[in-house]
């Protein structure tokens, strides 16, 4: 089952082309998942930094008053 837009799949399937297409798809999905993971990590990191800054500010305000 090859999902290709506008590409006619020949009746005699060439094995090497199938393998190549599978490799490309796999590489593509791995790249996307790595990218998503990096974005998620960056977001978590920024949120934790923000939380730390806010906490420090609150502590400072409580100490001074």
C-alpha atoms as a PDB file:
ATOM      1  CA  UNK A   1       0.000   0.000   0.000  1.00  0.00           C
ATOM      2  CA  UNK A   2       1.836   3.048  -1.283  1.00  0.00           C
ATOM      3  CA  UNK A   3       0.045   6.341  -0.827  1.00  0.00           C
ATOM      4  CA  UNK A   4       1.181   8.596  -3.666  1.00  0.00           C
ATOM      5  CA  UNK A   5      -0.726  11.465  -5.207  1.00  0.00           C
ATOM      6  CA  UNK A   6      -1.052  11.172  -8.956  1.00  0.00           C
ATOM      7  CA  UNK A   7       1.561   8.424  -9.225  1.00  0.00           C
ATOM      8  CA  UNK A   8       0.493   5.216 -10.934  1.00  0.00           C
ATOM      9  CA  UNK A   9       1.828   2.139  -9.191  1.00  0.00           C
ATOM     10  CA  UNK A  10       3.161  -0.332 -11.765  1.00  0.00           C
ATOM     11  CA  UNK A  11       1.799  -3.867 -11.686  1.00  0.00           C
ATOM     12  CA  UNK A  12       5.316  -5.276 -11.379  1.00  0.00           C
ATOM     13  CA  UNK A  13       6.546  -3.544  -8.223  1.00  0.00           C
ATOM     14  CA  UNK A  14      10.229  -2.667  -8.196  1.00  0.00           C
ATOM     15  CA  UNK A  15      11.538  -3.738  -4.794  1.00  0.00           C
ATOM     16  CA  UNK A  16      14.400  -1.220  -4.618  1.00  0.00           C
ATOM     17  CA  UNK A  17      12.068   1.715  -5.288  1.00  0.00           C
ATOM     18  CA  UNK A  18       9.706   0.477  -2.563  1.00  0.00           C
ATOM     19  CA  UNK A  19      12.612   0.202  -0.104  1.00  0.00           C
ATOM     20  CA  UNK A  20      13.814   3.681  -1.077  1.00  0.00           C
ATOM     21  CA  UNK A  21      10.327   5.122  -0.603  1.00  0.00           C
ATOM     22  CA  UNK A  22      10.014   3.402   2.785  1.00  0.00           C
ATOM     23  CA  UNK A  23      13.412   4.773   3.832  1.00  0.00           C
ATOM     24  CA  UNK A  24      12.424   8.303   2.811  1.00  0.00           C
ATOM     25  CA  UNK A  25       9.120   8.009   4.693  1.00  0.00           C
ATOM     26  CA  UNK A  26      10.901   6.671   7.775  1.00  0.00           C
ATOM     27  CA  UNK A  27      13.521   9.429   7.670  1.00  0.00           C
ATOM     28  CA  UNK A  28      10.787  12.018   7.246  1.00  0.00           C
ATOM     29  CA  UNK A  29       8.761  10.744  10.210  1.00  0.00           C
ATOM     30  CA  UNK A  30      11.865  10.491  12.424  1.00  0.00           C
ATOM     31  CA  UNK A  31      12.831  14.066  11.520  1.00  0.00           C
ATOM     32  CA  UNK A  32       9.319  15.306  12.328  1.00  0.00           C
ATOM     33  CA  UNK A  33       9.210  13.479  15.666  1.00  0.00           C
ATOM     34  CA  UNK A  34      12.638  14.860  16.640  1.00  0.00           C
ATOM     35  CA  UNK A  35      11.480  18.350  15.701  1.00  0.00           C
ATOM     36  CA  UNK A  36       8.291  18.011  17.743  1.00  0.00           C
ATOM     37  CA  UNK A  37      10.256  16.672  20.720  1.00  0.00           C
ATOM     38  CA  UNK A  38      12.690  19.590  20.526  1.00  0.00           C
ATOM     39  CA  UNK A  39       9.804  22.084  20.401  1.00  0.00           C
ATOM     40  CA  UNK A  40       8.180  20.423  23.403  1.00  0.00           C
ATOM     41  CA  UNK A  41      11.446  20.451  25.375  1.00  0.00           C
ATOM     42  CA  UNK A  42      12.053  24.113  24.517  1.00  0.00           C
ATOM     43  CA  UNK A  43       8.506  24.979  25.632  1.00  0.00           C
ATOM     44  CA  UNK A  44       8.859  23.063  28.918  1.00  0.00           C
ATOM     45  CA  UNK A  45      12.226  24.741  29.531  1.00  0.00           C
ATOM     46  CA  UNK A  46      10.836  28.235  28.923  1.00  0.00           C
ATOM     47  CA  UNK A  47       7.813  27.553  31.141  1.00  0.00           C
ATOM     48  CA  UNK A  48      10.027  26.296  33.979  1.00  0.00           C
ATOM     49  CA  UNK A  49      12.290  29.328  33.614  1.00  0.00           C
ATOM     50  CA  UNK A  50       9.277  31.611  33.721  1.00  0.00           C
ATOM     51  CA  UNK A  51       7.969  29.819  36.817  1.00  0.00           C
ATOM     52  CA  UNK A  52      11.373  30.190  38.501  1.00  0.00           C
ATOM     53  CA  UNK A  53      11.513  33.922  37.711  1.00  0.00           C
ATOM     54  CA  UNK A  54       7.959  34.477  38.973  1.00  0.00           C
ATOM     55  CA  UNK A  55       8.678  32.490  42.158  1.00  0.00           C
ATOM     56  CA  UNK A  56      11.814  34.556  42.819  1.00  0.00           C
ATOM     57  CA  UNK A  57       9.865  37.770  42.324  1.00  0.00           C
ATOM     58  CA  UNK A  58       7.155  36.606  44.735  1.00  0.00           C
ATOM     59  CA  UNK A  59       9.757  35.629  47.340  1.00  0.00           C
ATOM     60  CA  UNK A  60      11.514  38.991  46.948  1.00  0.00           C
ATOM     61  CA  UNK A  61       8.228  40.859  47.339  1.00  0.00           C
ATOM     62  CA  UNK A  62       7.334  38.836  50.454  1.00  0.00           C
ATOM     63  CA  UNK A  63      10.774  39.455  51.957  1.00  0.00           C
ATOM     64  CA  UNK A  64      10.704  43.204  51.383  1.00  0.00           C
ATOM     65  CA  UNK A  65       7.176  43.738  52.751  1.00  0.00           C
END
